[in-house]
N, C-alpha and C. Protein backbone atom coordinates (compact mmCIF):
# COMPACT_ATOMS: atom_id res chain seq x y z
N MET A 1 -10.10 8.07 -32.66
CA MET A 1 -10.00 9.72 -33.03
C MET A 1 -8.41 10.06 -33.02
N ASN A 2 -8.24 10.36 -34.14
CA ASN A 2 -6.76 10.67 -34.22
C ASN A 2 -5.63 12.04 -34.01
N LYS A 3 -4.16 11.85 -34.33
CA LYS A 3 -3.93 13.06 -33.44
C LYS A 3 -4.02 14.25 -34.01
N ASN A 4 -4.19 14.43 -35.01
CA ASN A 4 -4.98 15.94 -35.60
C ASN A 4 -6.06 16.18 -35.65
N GLU A 5 -7.21 14.80 -34.84
CA GLU A 5 -8.61 15.49 -34.26
C GLU A 5 -8.62 16.24 -33.34
N VAL A 6 -7.43 15.10 -32.07
CA VAL A 6 -6.98 15.24 -30.78
C VAL A 6 -6.37 17.06 -30.99
N TYR A 7 -5.28 17.42 -31.93
CA TYR A 7 -5.18 18.86 -31.38
C TYR A 7 -6.06 19.55 -32.39
N ASN A 8 -6.72 19.08 -33.11
CA ASN A 8 -7.50 20.33 -33.48
C ASN A 8 -8.91 20.68 -32.17
N PHE A 9 -9.22 19.74 -32.07
CA PHE A 9 -10.04 19.73 -30.34
C PHE A 9 -8.88 21.06 -29.33
N LEU A 10 -8.29 20.71 -29.25
CA LEU A 10 -7.22 21.11 -28.09
C LEU A 10 -7.56 22.63 -28.43
N SER A 11 -7.16 23.01 -29.65
CA SER A 11 -7.04 24.79 -29.72
C SER A 11 -8.50 25.18 -30.13
N ASN A 12 -9.68 24.64 -29.40
CA ASN A 12 -11.01 25.11 -29.38
C ASN A 12 -10.64 25.83 -27.50
N ILE A 13 -9.91 24.82 -26.58
CA ILE A 13 -9.78 25.30 -25.32
C ILE A 13 -8.52 26.02 -24.63
N LEU A 14 -7.71 25.57 -25.61
CA LEU A 14 -6.38 26.15 -24.97
C LEU A 14 -6.43 27.98 -25.24
N ASP A 15 -5.27 28.69 -25.15
CA ASP A 15 -5.26 29.22 -25.86
C ASP A 15 -3.81 29.84 -26.08
N SER A 16 -3.98 30.51 -27.29
CA SER A 16 -2.55 30.29 -28.34
C SER A 16 -1.68 31.14 -27.59
N ASN A 17 -1.57 31.17 -26.22
CA ASN A 17 -0.74 31.68 -25.73
C ASN A 17 -0.78 30.62 -24.41
N LEU A 18 0.57 29.23 -24.33
CA LEU A 18 0.09 28.00 -23.74
C LEU A 18 0.78 27.93 -22.42
N ASP A 19 1.35 29.29 -21.73
CA ASP A 19 1.55 29.42 -20.80
C ASP A 19 0.38 29.63 -19.52
N ASN A 20 -0.93 30.05 -20.44
CA ASN A 20 -1.77 30.38 -19.30
C ASN A 20 -3.14 29.51 -19.37
N PRO A 21 -3.47 29.07 -18.51
CA PRO A 21 -4.70 28.34 -17.71
C PRO A 21 -5.40 27.92 -18.83
N ILE A 22 -6.23 27.04 -18.75
CA ILE A 22 -7.11 26.18 -19.94
C ILE A 22 -8.31 26.54 -19.41
N LYS A 23 -9.00 26.97 -21.18
CA LYS A 23 -10.18 28.13 -21.06
C LYS A 23 -11.53 27.67 -20.83
N ILE A 24 -12.76 28.18 -19.39
CA ILE A 24 -13.53 27.60 -19.03
C ILE A 24 -14.80 28.75 -20.01
N ASP A 25 -14.06 29.50 -20.23
CA ASP A 25 -15.24 30.26 -20.41
C ASP A 25 -15.20 30.38 -22.50
N ASN A 26 -15.96 29.26 -22.78
CA ASN A 26 -16.40 29.02 -23.90
C ASN A 26 -17.49 27.46 -23.76
N PRO A 27 -17.48 27.95 -25.26
CA PRO A 27 -19.01 26.34 -25.10
C PRO A 27 -18.88 25.30 -24.94
N PHE A 28 -17.45 24.88 -25.21
CA PHE A 28 -17.12 23.24 -24.65
C PHE A 28 -16.92 23.08 -23.68
N PHE A 29 -16.68 23.84 -22.57
CA PHE A 29 -16.00 23.71 -21.08
C PHE A 29 -17.63 22.81 -20.55
N LEU A 30 -18.14 21.64 -19.87
CA LEU A 30 -18.86 21.56 -19.05
C LEU A 30 -19.44 22.10 -17.54
N SER A 31 -18.24 21.66 -16.56
CA SER A 31 -17.85 21.71 -15.71
C SER A 31 -16.75 21.40 -14.35
N THR A 32 -17.00 21.85 -13.66
CA THR A 32 -15.69 21.61 -12.95
C THR A 32 -15.64 20.93 -11.28
N ILE A 33 -15.49 19.87 -10.37
CA ILE A 33 -15.63 20.39 -9.24
C ILE A 33 -14.59 20.14 -8.97
N PHE A 34 -14.15 20.33 -7.26
CA PHE A 34 -13.40 20.28 -6.88
C PHE A 34 -13.82 20.33 -5.12
N TRP A 35 -12.43 20.22 -4.28
CA TRP A 35 -13.15 19.48 -2.92
C TRP A 35 -13.46 21.24 -2.00
N ASN A 36 -14.66 20.22 -1.73
CA ASN A 36 -15.51 21.14 -0.73
C ASN A 36 -15.00 21.38 0.51
N GLU A 37 -13.95 22.19 1.02
CA GLU A 37 -13.33 22.99 2.28
C GLU A 37 -14.26 22.77 3.74
N ASN A 38 -15.41 22.73 3.70
CA ASN A 38 -15.89 22.44 4.62
C ASN A 38 -15.82 20.61 5.33
N PHE A 39 -15.55 20.04 4.32
CA PHE A 39 -14.77 18.58 4.37
C PHE A 39 -13.62 18.54 5.23
N VAL A 40 -13.23 19.01 6.36
CA VAL A 40 -11.81 18.80 6.65
C VAL A 40 -10.64 17.53 6.78
N ALA A 41 -10.29 17.77 5.62
CA ALA A 41 -9.31 16.34 5.91
C ALA A 41 -7.50 16.50 5.18
N ASP A 42 -6.44 16.07 5.65
CA ASP A 42 -5.76 16.31 5.26
C ASP A 42 -5.05 16.42 3.43
N TYR A 43 -4.27 16.68 2.82
CA TYR A 43 -4.29 16.67 2.12
C TYR A 43 -3.81 14.95 1.16
N SER A 44 -2.99 14.52 2.03
CA SER A 44 -3.27 13.02 1.08
C SER A 44 -4.74 12.15 1.22
N GLU A 45 -5.61 12.55 2.23
CA GLU A 45 -7.19 12.63 1.97
C GLU A 45 -7.98 12.74 1.50
N LYS A 46 -7.60 13.84 0.69
CA LYS A 46 -8.51 14.74 -0.13
C LYS A 46 -8.27 13.99 -1.94
N TYR A 47 -6.95 13.89 -1.85
CA TYR A 47 -6.64 13.43 -3.58
C TYR A 47 -6.80 12.34 -3.17
N GLU A 48 -6.53 11.17 -2.27
CA GLU A 48 -7.23 9.57 -2.59
C GLU A 48 -8.71 9.66 -2.62
N ALA A 49 -9.78 10.43 -1.55
CA ALA A 49 -11.14 10.00 -1.96
C ALA A 49 -11.89 10.98 -3.21
N THR A 50 -11.07 12.17 -3.66
CA THR A 50 -10.66 12.79 -4.74
C THR A 50 -10.92 11.65 -6.54
N VAL A 51 -9.62 11.05 -6.08
CA VAL A 51 -9.09 9.69 -7.21
C VAL A 51 -10.29 8.96 -7.70
N ASP A 52 -10.58 8.12 -5.87
CA ASP A 52 -10.96 7.00 -5.54
C ASP A 52 -12.57 7.59 -6.34
N PHE A 53 -13.04 8.62 -6.25
CA PHE A 53 -14.48 9.10 -6.71
C PHE A 53 -14.59 9.27 -8.08
N PHE A 54 -13.48 9.52 -8.89
CA PHE A 54 -13.35 9.80 -10.47
C PHE A 54 -12.79 8.41 -10.63
N LYS A 55 -12.38 7.16 -9.63
CA LYS A 55 -12.50 5.42 -10.02
C LYS A 55 -13.09 4.95 -10.30
N LEU A 56 -13.90 5.56 -8.69
CA LEU A 56 -15.41 4.81 -8.95
C LEU A 56 -16.36 4.84 -10.40
N HIS A 57 -16.46 5.96 -10.80
CA HIS A 57 -17.03 6.40 -11.72
C HIS A 57 -16.89 6.11 -13.54
N PHE A 58 -14.98 6.24 -13.49
CA PHE A 58 -15.40 6.13 -15.08
C PHE A 58 -14.06 4.56 -15.03
N GLN A 59 -13.97 4.05 -13.59
CA GLN A 59 -12.95 2.52 -14.41
C GLN A 59 -13.14 2.38 -15.53
N LYS A 60 -14.56 1.34 -15.81
CA LYS A 60 -14.82 0.91 -16.54
C LYS A 60 -14.79 1.22 -18.07
N TYR A 61 -14.57 2.64 -18.15
CA TYR A 61 -14.48 3.57 -19.11
C TYR A 61 -12.45 3.69 -19.26
N PHE A 62 -11.89 2.94 -18.40
CA PHE A 62 -10.10 3.19 -18.81
C PHE A 62 -9.92 2.33 -20.06
N ASP A 63 -10.34 1.18 -20.07
CA ASP A 63 -9.48 0.81 -21.87
C ASP A 63 -10.03 1.73 -23.02
N GLU A 64 -11.21 3.31 -22.75
CA GLU A 64 -11.19 3.88 -24.02
C GLU A 64 -10.54 5.08 -24.24
N ILE A 65 -9.50 5.29 -22.42
CA ILE A 65 -9.28 6.50 -22.41
C ILE A 65 -7.98 6.94 -23.16
N ILE A 66 -8.06 7.97 -24.00
CA ILE A 66 -6.50 8.87 -24.84
C ILE A 66 -6.18 9.55 -23.49
N VAL A 67 -4.96 9.21 -23.06
CA VAL A 67 -4.36 10.55 -22.46
C VAL A 67 -3.27 10.73 -23.05
N VAL A 68 -3.69 12.68 -23.21
CA VAL A 68 -3.40 13.51 -23.90
C VAL A 68 -1.86 14.44 -23.07
N THR A 69 -0.79 14.61 -23.36
CA THR A 69 -0.52 15.26 -22.40
C THR A 69 0.89 16.73 -22.78
N SER A 70 1.08 17.13 -21.94
CA SER A 70 2.50 18.48 -22.66
C SER A 70 3.01 18.12 -21.47
N LEU A 71 3.26 17.79 -20.06
CA LEU A 71 3.72 18.06 -19.48
C LEU A 71 5.47 17.93 -19.32
N TYR A 72 6.70 18.83 -18.53
CA TYR A 72 7.35 18.51 -18.57
C TYR A 72 8.07 18.78 -17.29
N ILE A 73 9.01 18.55 -17.15
CA ILE A 73 9.90 18.94 -15.97
C ILE A 73 10.87 18.82 -15.82
N ASP A 74 12.29 19.44 -14.98
CA ASP A 74 13.62 19.63 -15.10
C ASP A 74 14.06 18.48 -14.40
N TYR A 75 14.70 17.80 -15.48
CA TYR A 75 15.10 16.10 -14.67
C TYR A 75 16.28 16.09 -13.87
N LYS A 76 16.52 17.39 -13.25
CA LYS A 76 17.13 17.66 -12.14
C LYS A 76 16.82 17.17 -10.56
N LYS A 77 15.04 17.33 -10.99
CA LYS A 77 14.41 17.07 -10.17
C LYS A 77 13.56 15.82 -9.78
N LEU A 78 13.90 14.93 -10.51
CA LEU A 78 13.50 13.69 -10.96
C LEU A 78 14.45 12.91 -9.87
N LYS A 79 14.06 12.26 -9.06
CA LYS A 79 14.35 11.15 -7.86
C LYS A 79 13.81 9.65 -8.11
N TYR A 80 14.66 9.02 -8.11
CA TYR A 80 14.19 7.73 -8.80
C TYR A 80 13.29 6.84 -7.18
N LYS A 81 11.92 6.32 -8.26
CA LYS A 81 10.90 5.39 -7.37
C LYS A 81 10.17 6.47 -7.30
N THR A 82 9.98 7.58 -7.84
CA THR A 82 9.50 8.67 -7.08
C THR A 82 8.25 8.90 -8.30
N LEU A 83 7.12 8.96 -7.38
CA LEU A 83 5.85 9.48 -8.72
C LEU A 83 6.15 10.00 -10.29
N GLU A 84 6.64 10.83 -10.59
CA GLU A 84 7.49 11.86 -11.42
C GLU A 84 8.23 10.34 -12.22
N TYR A 85 8.85 10.26 -11.53
CA TYR A 85 10.50 9.29 -12.07
C TYR A 85 9.23 8.23 -13.00
N ASN A 86 8.66 7.68 -12.51
CA ASN A 86 7.84 6.24 -12.81
C ASN A 86 6.92 6.80 -14.78
N LEU A 87 6.45 8.05 -13.79
CA LEU A 87 5.31 8.12 -15.51
C LEU A 87 6.35 9.13 -16.57
N SER A 88 7.69 9.76 -15.53
CA SER A 88 8.52 10.55 -16.70
C SER A 88 9.10 9.19 -17.90
N SER A 89 9.01 8.28 -16.98
CA SER A 89 10.14 6.84 -18.17
C SER A 89 9.01 6.11 -18.44
N LYS A 90 7.44 6.47 -18.86
CA LYS A 90 7.19 6.04 -19.88
C LYS A 90 6.04 7.17 -20.66
N GLY A 91 7.21 8.27 -20.26
CA GLY A 91 6.74 8.91 -21.77
C GLY A 91 5.45 9.89 -20.94
N TYR A 92 4.99 9.78 -19.95
CA TYR A 92 3.96 11.35 -19.57
C TYR A 92 4.47 12.34 -19.11
N ILE A 93 5.92 12.13 -19.15
CA ILE A 93 5.93 13.54 -18.44
C ILE A 93 7.74 13.45 -19.32
N LEU A 94 7.96 14.85 -19.50
CA LEU A 94 9.44 14.78 -20.81
C LEU A 94 10.02 16.09 -19.43
N PRO A 95 11.19 14.61 -19.02
CA PRO A 95 11.77 15.29 -18.76
C PRO A 95 12.90 16.29 -20.06
N ILE A 96 13.33 17.54 -19.43
CA ILE A 96 14.00 18.40 -20.29
C ILE A 96 15.82 18.38 -19.71
N LEU A 97 16.03 17.94 -20.78
CA LEU A 97 17.82 17.65 -20.69
C LEU A 97 18.33 18.85 -21.08
N GLU A 98 18.00 20.19 -21.62
CA GLU A 98 18.62 20.86 -22.50
C GLU A 98 18.87 22.24 -21.01
N ASN A 99 19.49 22.96 -21.69
CA ASN A 99 19.70 24.40 -20.39
C ASN A 99 18.80 24.63 -20.22
N VAL A 100 17.41 24.76 -20.51
CA VAL A 100 15.99 26.15 -20.64
C VAL A 100 15.89 26.77 -19.17
N PHE A 101 16.30 26.12 -17.83
CA PHE A 101 16.14 26.85 -17.58
C PHE A 101 17.03 27.58 -16.64
N ASP A 102 16.95 29.06 -16.18
CA ASP A 102 17.89 29.44 -15.42
C ASP A 102 18.80 29.21 -14.07
N ASP A 103 19.55 29.96 -13.77
CA ASP A 103 20.70 29.48 -12.60
C ASP A 103 19.62 28.95 -11.25
N ASN A 104 18.78 29.71 -11.35
CA ASN A 104 17.11 29.25 -10.65
C ASN A 104 16.49 28.39 -10.43
N LEU A 105 17.11 27.64 -11.35
CA LEU A 105 15.74 26.52 -11.89
C LEU A 105 13.97 27.05 -11.42
N GLU A 106 13.89 28.32 -11.89
CA GLU A 106 12.59 28.91 -12.26
C GLU A 106 11.68 30.04 -13.25
N ASN A 107 12.47 30.11 -14.29
CA ASN A 107 12.31 30.96 -15.85
C ASN A 107 13.19 29.58 -16.84
N ILE A 108 11.93 30.07 -17.32
CA ILE A 108 12.29 29.08 -18.78
C ILE A 108 12.46 29.81 -20.17
N ASN A 109 13.35 30.01 -21.21
CA ASN A 109 14.11 30.25 -21.66
C ASN A 109 12.56 30.74 -22.64
N ASP A 110 11.94 31.78 -22.96
CA ASP A 110 10.91 31.15 -23.78
C ASP A 110 11.60 31.22 -25.37
N SER A 111 12.65 31.47 -25.94
CA SER A 111 12.02 30.64 -27.12
C SER A 111 11.94 29.41 -27.40
N ILE A 112 12.56 28.66 -26.43
CA ILE A 112 12.35 27.15 -26.25
C ILE A 112 11.18 26.70 -25.82
N PHE A 113 10.59 28.10 -25.25
CA PHE A 113 9.12 27.13 -24.23
C PHE A 113 8.37 26.13 -24.75
N SER A 114 7.74 27.93 -25.95
CA SER A 114 6.56 26.69 -26.94
C SER A 114 6.86 25.74 -27.29
N GLU A 115 7.71 25.55 -27.92
CA GLU A 115 8.19 24.21 -28.55
C GLU A 115 7.71 22.99 -27.68
N ILE A 116 8.43 23.48 -26.50
CA ILE A 116 8.40 22.10 -25.49
C ILE A 116 6.83 21.94 -24.72
N SER A 117 6.25 23.69 -24.68
CA SER A 117 4.89 23.52 -23.98
C SER A 117 3.78 22.73 -25.27
N SER A 118 4.00 22.56 -26.48
CA SER A 118 2.77 22.28 -27.17
C SER A 118 3.16 21.10 -27.51
N SER A 119 4.10 20.10 -27.13
CA SER A 119 4.67 18.98 -27.47
C SER A 119 4.04 18.13 -27.56
N PHE A 120 2.58 18.09 -27.63
CA PHE A 120 1.66 16.86 -26.88
C PHE A 120 1.89 15.78 -27.27
N ARG A 121 1.79 14.54 -26.11
CA ARG A 121 2.11 13.54 -26.85
C ARG A 121 0.74 12.70 -26.19
N CYS A 122 0.45 11.35 -27.36
CA CYS A 122 -0.55 11.07 -27.03
C CYS A 122 -1.27 9.39 -26.95
N PHE A 123 -1.13 8.29 -25.59
CA PHE A 123 -1.09 7.71 -25.39
C PHE A 123 -2.89 6.67 -25.06
N LYS A 124 -2.54 5.46 -26.06
CA LYS A 124 -4.45 4.73 -25.67
C LYS A 124 -3.64 3.34 -25.28
N ASN A 125 -4.02 2.98 -24.44
CA ASN A 125 -4.22 1.68 -24.12
C ASN A 125 -3.57 1.42 -23.11
N CYS A 126 -3.46 2.70 -21.92
CA CYS A 126 -3.32 2.69 -20.82
C CYS A 126 -2.99 2.25 -19.98
N GLN A 127 -1.92 1.66 -18.87
CA GLN A 127 -2.77 1.00 -17.17
C GLN A 127 -3.63 2.03 -16.78
N TYR A 128 -4.45 1.25 -16.07
CA TYR A 128 -5.37 1.88 -14.98
C TYR A 128 -4.61 2.72 -14.31
N GLN A 129 -3.57 1.60 -13.08
CA GLN A 129 -2.98 2.80 -12.36
C GLN A 129 -2.26 3.93 -12.73
N ASP A 130 -2.04 4.04 -14.62
CA ASP A 130 -1.12 5.39 -14.95
C ASP A 130 -2.33 6.34 -14.72
N ILE A 131 -3.53 6.12 -15.05
CA ILE A 131 -4.42 6.70 -15.20
C ILE A 131 -4.66 7.78 -13.94
N LEU A 132 -4.63 6.89 -12.83
CA LEU A 132 -5.01 7.18 -11.72
C LEU A 132 -3.98 7.98 -10.83
N ASP A 133 -2.46 7.22 -11.35
CA ASP A 133 -1.57 7.86 -11.21
C ASP A 133 -1.57 9.71 -11.41
N LEU A 134 -1.34 9.64 -12.82
CA LEU A 134 -1.40 11.01 -13.46
C LEU A 134 -2.54 11.77 -12.64
N SER A 135 -3.51 11.90 -12.15
CA SER A 135 -4.45 12.04 -11.51
C SER A 135 -3.74 13.07 -9.99
N PHE A 136 -3.33 12.12 -9.23
CA PHE A 136 -2.44 12.34 -7.90
C PHE A 136 -1.35 13.18 -7.94
N LEU A 137 -0.53 13.27 -9.42
CA LEU A 137 0.49 13.96 -9.86
C LEU A 137 -0.65 15.42 -10.35
N MET A 138 -1.39 15.52 -10.81
CA MET A 138 -1.55 17.15 -11.12
C MET A 138 -2.64 17.66 -10.42
N MET A 139 -2.52 17.32 -9.07
CA MET A 139 -3.12 17.33 -7.86
C MET A 139 -2.89 18.02 -6.16
N GLY A 140 -1.34 17.29 -7.02
CA GLY A 140 -0.11 17.37 -5.42
C GLY A 140 1.14 16.71 -5.82
N SER A 141 1.47 16.91 -6.63
CA SER A 141 2.84 17.01 -7.28
C SER A 141 3.75 17.85 -6.38
N ASP A 142 5.12 18.03 -5.95
CA ASP A 142 5.63 18.76 -5.45
C ASP A 142 6.44 19.08 -5.98
N ILE A 143 6.95 18.98 -6.73
CA ILE A 143 8.23 19.60 -7.44
C ILE A 143 7.80 19.51 -9.02
N LEU A 144 6.72 19.49 -9.25
CA LEU A 144 5.87 19.41 -11.32
C LEU A 144 5.04 20.82 -10.73
N PRO A 145 5.29 22.15 -11.75
CA PRO A 145 5.39 23.50 -11.22
C PRO A 145 3.45 23.30 -12.24
N GLU A 146 2.94 23.82 -11.66
CA GLU A 146 1.13 24.54 -12.47
C GLU A 146 1.55 24.56 -13.63
N ASP A 147 2.56 25.31 -14.17
CA ASP A 147 2.09 25.71 -15.49
C ASP A 147 3.36 24.80 -16.46
N SER A 148 3.48 23.68 -16.05
CA SER A 148 4.51 22.64 -16.58
C SER A 148 3.65 22.04 -17.56
N GLY A 149 3.30 21.98 -18.59
CA GLY A 149 2.13 21.77 -19.69
C GLY A 149 1.06 21.07 -19.06
N TYR A 150 0.04 20.59 -19.88
CA TYR A 150 -1.44 20.13 -20.14
C TYR A 150 -1.21 18.95 -19.60
N LEU A 151 -2.84 18.34 -18.84
CA LEU A 151 -3.05 16.91 -18.87
C LEU A 151 -4.36 16.39 -19.47
N PHE A 152 -4.74 15.89 -20.02
CA PHE A 152 -6.22 14.98 -20.45
C PHE A 152 -6.50 13.88 -20.64
N PHE A 153 -7.65 13.51 -20.28
CA PHE A 153 -8.71 12.23 -20.62
C PHE A 153 -9.75 12.36 -21.74
N ILE A 154 -8.92 11.72 -22.53
CA ILE A 154 -10.13 11.79 -23.94
C ILE A 154 -11.23 10.43 -24.06
N LEU A 155 -12.49 10.92 -24.08
CA LEU A 155 -13.67 9.31 -24.04
C LEU A 155 -14.01 10.25 -25.61
N PRO A 156 -13.72 9.08 -25.98
CA PRO A 156 -14.77 10.02 -27.98
C PRO A 156 -16.04 9.46 -28.07
N LYS A 157 -15.59 8.05 -27.58
CA LYS A 157 -17.11 8.17 -27.64
C LYS A 157 -18.48 8.46 -26.62
N HIS A 158 -17.99 8.84 -26.25
CA HIS A 158 -18.73 10.05 -24.65
C HIS A 158 -18.43 11.03 -25.05
N ASN A 159 -18.18 11.50 -26.04
CA ASN A 159 -18.20 13.31 -26.81
C ASN A 159 -17.48 14.00 -25.21
N LEU A 160 -16.34 13.46 -24.37
CA LEU A 160 -15.88 14.26 -23.39
C LEU A 160 -14.52 13.97 -23.50
N ILE A 161 -13.68 14.98 -22.51
CA ILE A 161 -12.38 15.64 -22.48
C ILE A 161 -12.19 15.30 -20.67
N ILE A 162 -11.56 14.74 -19.51
CA ILE A 162 -11.83 15.50 -18.37
C ILE A 162 -10.38 15.95 -18.54
N TYR A 163 -10.01 16.76 -17.34
CA TYR A 163 -9.04 16.96 -16.61
C TYR A 163 -8.88 16.92 -15.53
N PRO A 164 -7.88 16.23 -15.16
CA PRO A 164 -7.34 16.48 -13.41
C PRO A 164 -7.36 17.84 -13.01
N HIS A 165 -7.05 18.28 -12.40
CA HIS A 165 -6.17 19.97 -11.49
C HIS A 165 -5.87 19.92 -9.98
N SER A 166 -5.19 21.00 -9.90
CA SER A 166 -4.38 21.37 -8.74
C SER A 166 -5.77 21.78 -7.31
N ASP A 167 -6.84 22.26 -8.21
CA ASP A 167 -7.89 22.73 -6.84
C ASP A 167 -8.37 21.15 -5.96
N ILE A 168 -7.52 20.35 -6.57
CA ILE A 168 -7.96 18.63 -6.36
C ILE A 168 -9.66 18.43 -6.49
N GLY A 169 -9.84 18.50 -8.01
CA GLY A 169 -10.74 17.83 -8.41
C GLY A 169 -10.35 17.47 -9.54
N TYR A 170 -11.83 17.76 -10.53
CA TYR A 170 -11.52 17.34 -12.23
C TYR A 170 -12.64 18.17 -12.70
N GLY A 171 -12.19 18.95 -14.04
CA GLY A 171 -12.72 19.40 -14.89
C GLY A 171 -13.21 18.77 -16.00
N ALA A 172 -14.54 19.16 -17.37
CA ALA A 172 -14.18 18.25 -18.60
C ALA A 172 -15.00 19.63 -18.91
N PHE A 173 -14.73 18.63 -20.51
CA PHE A 173 -15.26 19.34 -21.57
C PHE A 173 -16.14 18.28 -21.91
N CYS A 174 -16.50 19.08 -23.22
CA CYS A 174 -17.76 18.06 -24.39
C CYS A 174 -16.80 18.41 -25.82
N LEU A 175 -16.35 17.09 -26.14
CA LEU A 175 -15.63 17.07 -28.13
C LEU A 175 -16.80 18.33 -28.58
N SER A 176 -18.07 17.43 -28.80
CA SER A 176 -18.66 17.67 -30.14
C SER A 176 -19.67 19.17 -29.48
N LEU A 177 -20.53 20.27 -29.61
CA LEU A 177 -20.97 20.65 -29.35
C LEU A 177 -22.40 20.77 -29.13
N PHE A 178 -23.63 20.70 -27.99
CA PHE A 178 -24.84 19.91 -28.63
C PHE A 178 -25.34 18.90 -28.41
N THR A 179 -23.97 17.84 -28.45
CA THR A 179 -24.17 16.54 -28.38
C THR A 179 -24.29 16.19 -26.35
N GLU A 180 -25.01 14.56 -26.36
CA GLU A 180 -25.41 14.27 -24.84
C GLU A 180 -24.03 13.71 -24.37
N THR A 181 -23.55 14.34 -23.17
CA THR A 181 -22.26 14.18 -21.73
C THR A 181 -23.10 13.52 -20.91
N SER A 182 -24.04 12.49 -21.14
CA SER A 182 -24.59 12.21 -19.73
C SER A 182 -23.57 11.41 -18.86
N LEU A 183 -22.50 10.70 -19.34
CA LEU A 183 -21.15 10.17 -18.54
C LEU A 183 -20.84 10.94 -17.31
N TRP A 184 -20.57 12.42 -18.26
CA TRP A 184 -19.94 13.49 -17.45
C TRP A 184 -21.67 14.30 -15.60
N THR A 185 -22.38 13.92 -16.97
CA THR A 185 -23.71 14.41 -15.71
C THR A 185 -23.82 13.60 -14.81
N GLU A 186 -23.54 12.02 -15.02
CA GLU A 186 -23.87 11.13 -13.61
C GLU A 186 -22.60 11.78 -13.03
N PHE A 187 -21.77 11.58 -13.17
CA PHE A 187 -20.38 12.12 -12.09
C PHE A 187 -20.67 13.60 -11.44
N GLU A 188 -21.37 14.45 -11.99
CA GLU A 188 -22.03 15.47 -11.17
C GLU A 188 -22.48 15.19 -10.33
N LYS A 189 -23.88 14.69 -10.63
CA LYS A 189 -24.12 13.79 -9.69
C LYS A 189 -24.15 13.82 -8.40
N GLY A 190 -23.41 12.40 -8.77
CA GLY A 190 -22.70 12.60 -7.15
C GLY A 190 -21.00 13.18 -6.85
N SER A 191 -21.31 14.20 -6.99
CA SER A 191 -20.23 15.17 -5.96
C SER A 191 -20.88 15.38 -5.37
N LYS A 192 -21.34 15.78 -4.87
CA LYS A 192 -22.79 16.90 -4.84
C LYS A 192 -21.98 16.98 -3.18
N GLU A 193 -21.50 15.36 -2.28
CA GLU A 193 -21.46 15.38 -1.33
C GLU A 193 -19.81 16.35 -0.68
N LYS A 194 -19.16 16.46 -1.03
CA LYS A 194 -18.00 16.72 -0.50
C LYS A 194 -17.22 17.48 -1.81
N PHE A 195 -18.07 18.11 -3.17
CA PHE A 195 -17.30 18.62 -3.54
C PHE A 195 -18.12 19.89 -4.06
N LYS A 196 -17.38 21.09 -4.34
CA LYS A 196 -18.11 21.88 -4.67
C LYS A 196 -18.16 22.03 -6.27
N LEU A 197 -19.00 22.81 -7.41
CA LEU A 197 -19.02 22.41 -8.80
C LEU A 197 -19.38 23.30 -9.33
N ILE A 198 -18.38 23.93 -10.48
CA ILE A 198 -18.82 25.34 -11.10
C ILE A 198 -19.45 24.37 -12.24
N LYS A 199 -20.38 25.19 -12.93
CA LYS A 199 -20.38 24.52 -14.15
C LYS A 199 -21.07 25.60 -15.20
N ARG A 200 -21.03 25.36 -16.67
CA ARG A 200 -21.26 26.13 -17.50
C ARG A 200 -22.11 27.20 -17.31
N LYS A 201 -21.90 28.34 -17.94
CA LYS A 201 -22.80 29.54 -17.86
C LYS A 201 -23.74 30.00 -19.19
N LEU A 202 -25.03 28.72 -19.51
CA LEU A 202 -25.59 29.10 -20.90
C LEU A 202 -25.79 30.41 -21.12
């Protein structure tokens, strides 16, 4: 799967306004799982249990994963040896060095935002720990706002694109319609104990 194919597919699931959340009201959406609050645990335990569950089902396919990211962060918030720092040093998160934030470091200059948020980077042959760390990042970073870009794990041979999200879980899309996605189906079946499931409305 080359970059053009990746970008063409992303146009099916992302709104033209890249400040908006991932679209789940489209035929490519499969389902999303998220932590069931009936299972009481602190946040770190929830993150670890969720990522461990993902690892259990997908680790043997990690070599096949293409990581696609448009994540960015205000470089002033990066601290040495933190998760965000380590991932940005490998290119998964783009540190913003230009003065695109206002004095409160809250709002982004609109004229530059679309260019930053649409600057997707693709990574193959990723280290296993990087894939897990990116999941932790999307579920519980203290310094990466939710609207700081997108992150996807693509498994082309399995017709699957997965995204970790801040509701402490994972969602998925199929790459092509009317094609088997048994790998994700098995993941859904195993999620019933500690997770809630929202499936595509047929």
